[in-house]
Amino acid sequence: MVDTPRDRLGANLKTPYPDDDGTWWDHLLTTIGDEMDDLETVRQVVLDSKFLETATDAQLDRLGELVQLPREKGETNPHYRGRLTVELRAKLSTATVKEIKDTAATILEVESADIGYSEDFSVEAARFILDIDENVLSSAGVSGSEFVTFIDRVRGAGIRAEIRTKGTFTYRSEQEYISGTNNPANGYYDSADGITNGTYAGLVQ
């Protein structure tokens, strides 16, 4: 399989000289191939530095200079990238539901479909809630209060944003309770070892 610069050179450059390993022709192609490989690596770094999604360290700082949003002391690349994403979207956003969900997904590095969105007009007319998995927030290195601050930059004026974090705890259904089905992984009481594995189990049992 031809997948390196050296392989591509060997496949495309014809020569009457022996090209076995260790020959001078092999050494020549290997030297040129190594240089091409280095150039391709540098080219990819340059391309990555142009885009917010892939830029890191100094390149990310330079993108921040364009919107006059410097990196905070000790701020990680993912966290800084999230703030820059929000800042750029805030300048262009029209505060639609799609834009809000897309912004949230970009900050947390998940799909937009993974972000729940709801509006409860019975509580407050101008308010929306985003449902976020707690593990996703933790992986992104963003606290709940920080995340709300980010979303505040792209929401409409006079509208309040809230988040509702979701954990991994799963309740037992009524039918499971009636049938006596126990699944300790869901926090139930395990009759095999007599251990209560969740708060809900203590209430039911």
Protein backbone atom coordinates (compact mmCIF):
# COMPACT_ATOMS: atom_id res chain seq x y z
CA MET A 1 0.00 0.00 0.00
CA VAL A 2 1.40 3.40 -1.05
CA ASP A 3 0.85 5.71 1.93
CA THR A 4 4.10 7.60 2.63
CA PRO A 5 6.04 10.18 0.59
CA ARG A 6 8.85 7.62 0.18
CA ASP A 7 6.39 5.05 -1.16
CA ARG A 8 4.86 7.55 -3.56
CA LEU A 9 8.28 8.56 -4.88
CA GLY A 10 9.24 4.94 -5.43
CA ALA A 11 5.99 4.24 -7.27
CA ASN A 12 6.16 7.27 -9.57
CA LEU A 13 9.87 7.83 -10.27
CA LYS A 14 11.32 5.32 -12.72
CA THR A 15 15.03 4.51 -12.72
CA PRO A 16 17.38 2.00 -14.33
CA TYR A 17 19.27 1.79 -11.03
CA PRO A 18 18.62 -0.79 -8.32
CA ASP A 19 16.19 0.50 -5.69
CA ASP A 20 16.52 -2.25 -3.11
CA ASP A 21 16.90 -1.29 0.55
CA GLY A 22 20.37 0.08 1.21
CA THR A 23 21.13 1.18 -2.36
CA TRP A 24 22.06 4.79 -3.11
CA TRP A 25 18.76 5.26 -5.00
CA ASP A 26 16.85 4.04 -1.96
CA HIS A 27 18.80 6.45 0.26
CA LEU A 28 18.05 9.33 -2.12
CA LEU A 29 14.31 8.62 -2.20
CA THR A 30 14.21 8.15 1.58
CA THR A 31 15.95 11.49 2.15
CA ILE A 32 13.60 13.34 -0.19
CA GLY A 33 10.62 11.47 1.26
CA ASP A 34 11.54 12.48 4.81
CA GLU A 35 11.73 16.13 3.75
CA MET A 36 8.34 15.87 2.06
CA ASP A 37 6.89 14.25 5.18
CA ASP A 38 8.16 17.14 7.32
CA LEU A 39 6.66 19.65 4.88
CA GLU A 40 3.29 17.89 4.96
CA THR A 41 3.34 17.96 8.77
CA VAL A 42 4.10 21.69 8.82
CA ARG A 43 1.42 22.30 6.19
CA GLN A 44 -1.18 20.55 8.36
CA VAL A 45 -0.16 22.58 11.41
CA VAL A 46 -0.54 25.79 9.38
CA LEU A 47 -3.97 24.72 8.12
CA ASP A 48 -5.09 23.78 11.63
CA SER A 49 -3.99 27.15 13.00
CA LYS A 50 -6.39 28.93 10.65
CA PHE A 51 -9.53 27.44 12.16
CA LEU A 52 -10.96 27.93 15.63
CA GLU A 53 -11.92 24.27 15.93
CA THR A 54 -8.35 23.03 15.47
CA ALA A 55 -6.05 25.89 16.52
CA THR A 56 -4.11 25.45 19.76
CA ASP A 57 -1.79 27.41 22.06
CA ALA A 58 -0.19 30.44 20.36
CA GLN A 59 -2.30 30.03 17.21
CA LEU A 60 -5.47 30.09 19.30
CA ASP A 61 -4.20 33.19 21.11
CA ARG A 62 -3.74 34.96 17.78
CA LEU A 63 -7.32 34.18 16.80
CA GLY A 64 -8.37 35.63 20.15
CA GLU A 65 -6.57 38.86 19.29
CA LEU A 66 -8.83 39.26 16.26
CA VAL A 67 -11.89 39.59 18.50
CA GLN A 68 -9.99 41.30 21.34
CA LEU A 69 -10.60 38.42 23.76
CA PRO A 70 -7.30 37.38 25.37
CA ARG A 71 -6.75 34.07 27.10
CA GLU A 72 -7.15 34.12 30.88
CA LYS A 73 -4.25 33.03 33.06
CA GLY A 74 -4.04 29.24 33.17
CA GLU A 75 -6.98 28.82 30.79
CA THR A 76 -6.94 25.57 28.82
CA ASN A 77 -7.29 25.39 25.05
CA PRO A 78 -10.78 23.78 25.13
CA HIS A 79 -12.10 26.36 27.61
CA TYR A 80 -10.60 29.29 25.71
CA ARG A 81 -11.88 27.89 22.42
CA GLY A 82 -15.36 27.76 23.94
CA ARG A 83 -15.21 31.42 24.96
CA LEU A 84 -13.96 32.44 21.52
CA THR A 85 -16.71 30.42 19.86
CA VAL A 86 -19.33 32.20 21.94
CA GLU A 87 -17.79 35.60 21.25
CA LEU A 88 -17.80 35.04 17.49
CA ARG A 89 -21.33 33.66 17.49
CA ALA A 90 -22.52 36.55 19.67
CA LYS A 91 -21.48 38.97 16.95
CA LEU A 92 -23.39 37.03 14.29
CA SER A 93 -26.20 35.29 16.17
CA THR A 94 -29.89 36.09 15.71
CA ALA A 95 -30.71 34.07 18.87
CA THR A 96 -32.66 31.29 17.17
CA VAL A 97 -33.13 27.97 18.95
CA LYS A 98 -30.88 26.28 16.40
CA GLU A 99 -28.08 28.80 16.92
CA ILE A 100 -28.32 28.47 20.71
CA LYS A 101 -28.17 24.66 20.53
CA ASP A 102 -25.35 24.75 17.97
CA THR A 103 -23.36 27.10 20.22
CA ALA A 104 -23.91 24.86 23.24
CA ALA A 105 -22.88 21.80 21.24
CA THR A 106 -19.71 23.50 19.99
CA ILE A 107 -18.69 24.54 23.50
CA LEU A 108 -19.24 21.02 24.86
CA GLU A 109 -17.90 19.25 21.74
CA VAL A 110 -21.04 17.17 21.24
CA GLU A 111 -23.75 16.98 18.59
CA SER A 112 -26.55 19.54 18.62
CA ALA A 113 -29.03 16.67 18.98
CA ASP A 114 -27.44 15.85 22.35
CA ILE A 115 -28.59 19.20 23.75
CA GLY A 116 -32.14 19.23 25.10
CA TYR A 117 -34.17 22.43 24.74
CA SER A 118 -37.48 23.32 26.38
CA GLU A 119 -39.59 26.35 27.28
CA ASP A 120 -41.98 26.34 30.24
CA PHE A 121 -44.29 29.31 29.78
CA SER A 122 -46.32 28.35 32.86
CA VAL A 123 -43.37 29.40 35.02
CA GLU A 124 -41.93 32.32 33.10
CA ALA A 125 -42.69 33.65 29.65
CA ALA A 126 -39.17 34.57 28.58
CA ARG A 127 -37.09 31.60 29.69
CA PHE A 128 -35.62 28.48 28.14
CA ILE A 129 -33.87 25.47 29.63
CA LEU A 130 -31.02 23.46 28.15
CA ASP A 131 -30.68 19.84 29.30
CA ILE A 132 -27.02 18.86 29.55
CA ASP A 133 -25.43 15.60 30.62
CA GLU A 134 -23.34 16.25 33.72
CA ASN A 135 -20.53 14.07 32.35
CA VAL A 136 -20.39 16.21 29.20
CA LEU A 137 -19.94 19.39 31.25
CA SER A 138 -17.19 17.74 33.25
CA SER A 139 -15.39 16.50 30.12
CA ALA A 140 -15.50 19.98 28.60
CA GLY A 141 -13.99 21.47 31.76
CA VAL A 142 -16.86 23.93 32.08
CA SER A 143 -18.92 24.52 35.21
CA GLY A 144 -22.67 24.99 35.07
CA SER A 145 -22.43 28.69 35.94
CA GLU A 146 -19.74 29.27 33.31
CA PHE A 147 -21.83 27.51 30.70
CA VAL A 148 -24.84 29.73 31.44
CA THR A 149 -22.57 32.77 31.11
CA PHE A 150 -21.53 31.56 27.66
CA ILE A 151 -25.13 31.00 26.56
CA ASP A 152 -26.13 34.43 27.88
CA ARG A 153 -23.94 35.91 25.14
CA VAL A 154 -26.07 34.40 22.35
CA ARG A 155 -29.59 34.48 23.82
CA GLY A 156 -32.11 37.17 22.98
CA ALA A 157 -32.42 40.31 25.09
CA GLY A 158 -34.83 39.92 27.99
CA ILE A 159 -34.75 36.12 27.84
CA ARG A 160 -33.33 34.07 30.69
CA ALA A 161 -31.27 30.94 30.07
CA GLU A 162 -31.05 28.04 32.51
CA ILE A 163 -29.48 24.61 32.38
CA ARG A 164 -30.68 21.34 33.82
CA THR A 165 -27.94 18.78 34.31
CA LYS A 166 -28.72 15.12 33.87
CA GLY A 167 -26.92 12.31 35.68
CA THR A 168 -26.86 8.58 35.10
CA PHE A 169 -29.34 7.54 37.80
CA THR A 170 -32.36 5.67 36.38
CA TYR A 171 -35.55 5.03 38.34
CA ARG A 172 -37.35 1.70 38.37
CA SER A 173 -40.65 1.67 36.54
CA GLU A 174 -43.91 0.79 38.30
CA GLN A 175 -44.05 -2.53 36.45
CA GLU A 176 -40.50 -3.40 37.53
CA TYR A 177 -41.43 -2.65 41.14
CA ILE A 178 -44.59 -4.79 40.98
CA SER A 179 -42.71 -7.69 39.37
CA GLY A 180 -39.84 -7.41 41.85
CA THR A 181 -37.25 -6.73 39.15
CA ASN A 182 -34.02 -5.38 40.63
CA ASN A 183 -31.08 -3.98 38.69
CA PRO A 184 -28.29 -2.73 40.99
CA ALA A 185 -26.69 -0.87 38.08
CA ASN A 186 -29.70 1.46 38.19
CA GLY A 187 -29.39 2.06 41.91
CA TYR A 188 -31.87 -0.58 43.12
CA TYR A 189 -31.77 -2.98 46.04
CA ASP A 190 -29.96 -6.20 45.13
CA SER A 191 -31.65 -9.12 46.87
CA ALA A 192 -28.62 -11.31 46.15
CA ASP A 193 -26.28 -9.38 48.43
CA GLY A 194 -28.77 -7.36 50.47
CA ILE A 195 -27.13 -4.06 49.52
CA THR A 196 -29.14 -0.96 48.78
CA ASN A 197 -27.42 0.75 45.86
CA GLY A 198 -29.35 3.98 45.62
CA THR A 199 -31.47 6.51 47.51
CA TYR A 200 -34.58 5.59 45.55
CA ALA A 201 -34.11 1.96 46.51
CA GLY A 202 -34.27 2.86 50.18
CA LEU A 203 -37.61 4.58 49.69
CA VAL A 204 -39.15 1.74 47.70
CA GLN A 205 -37.86 -1.16 49.79
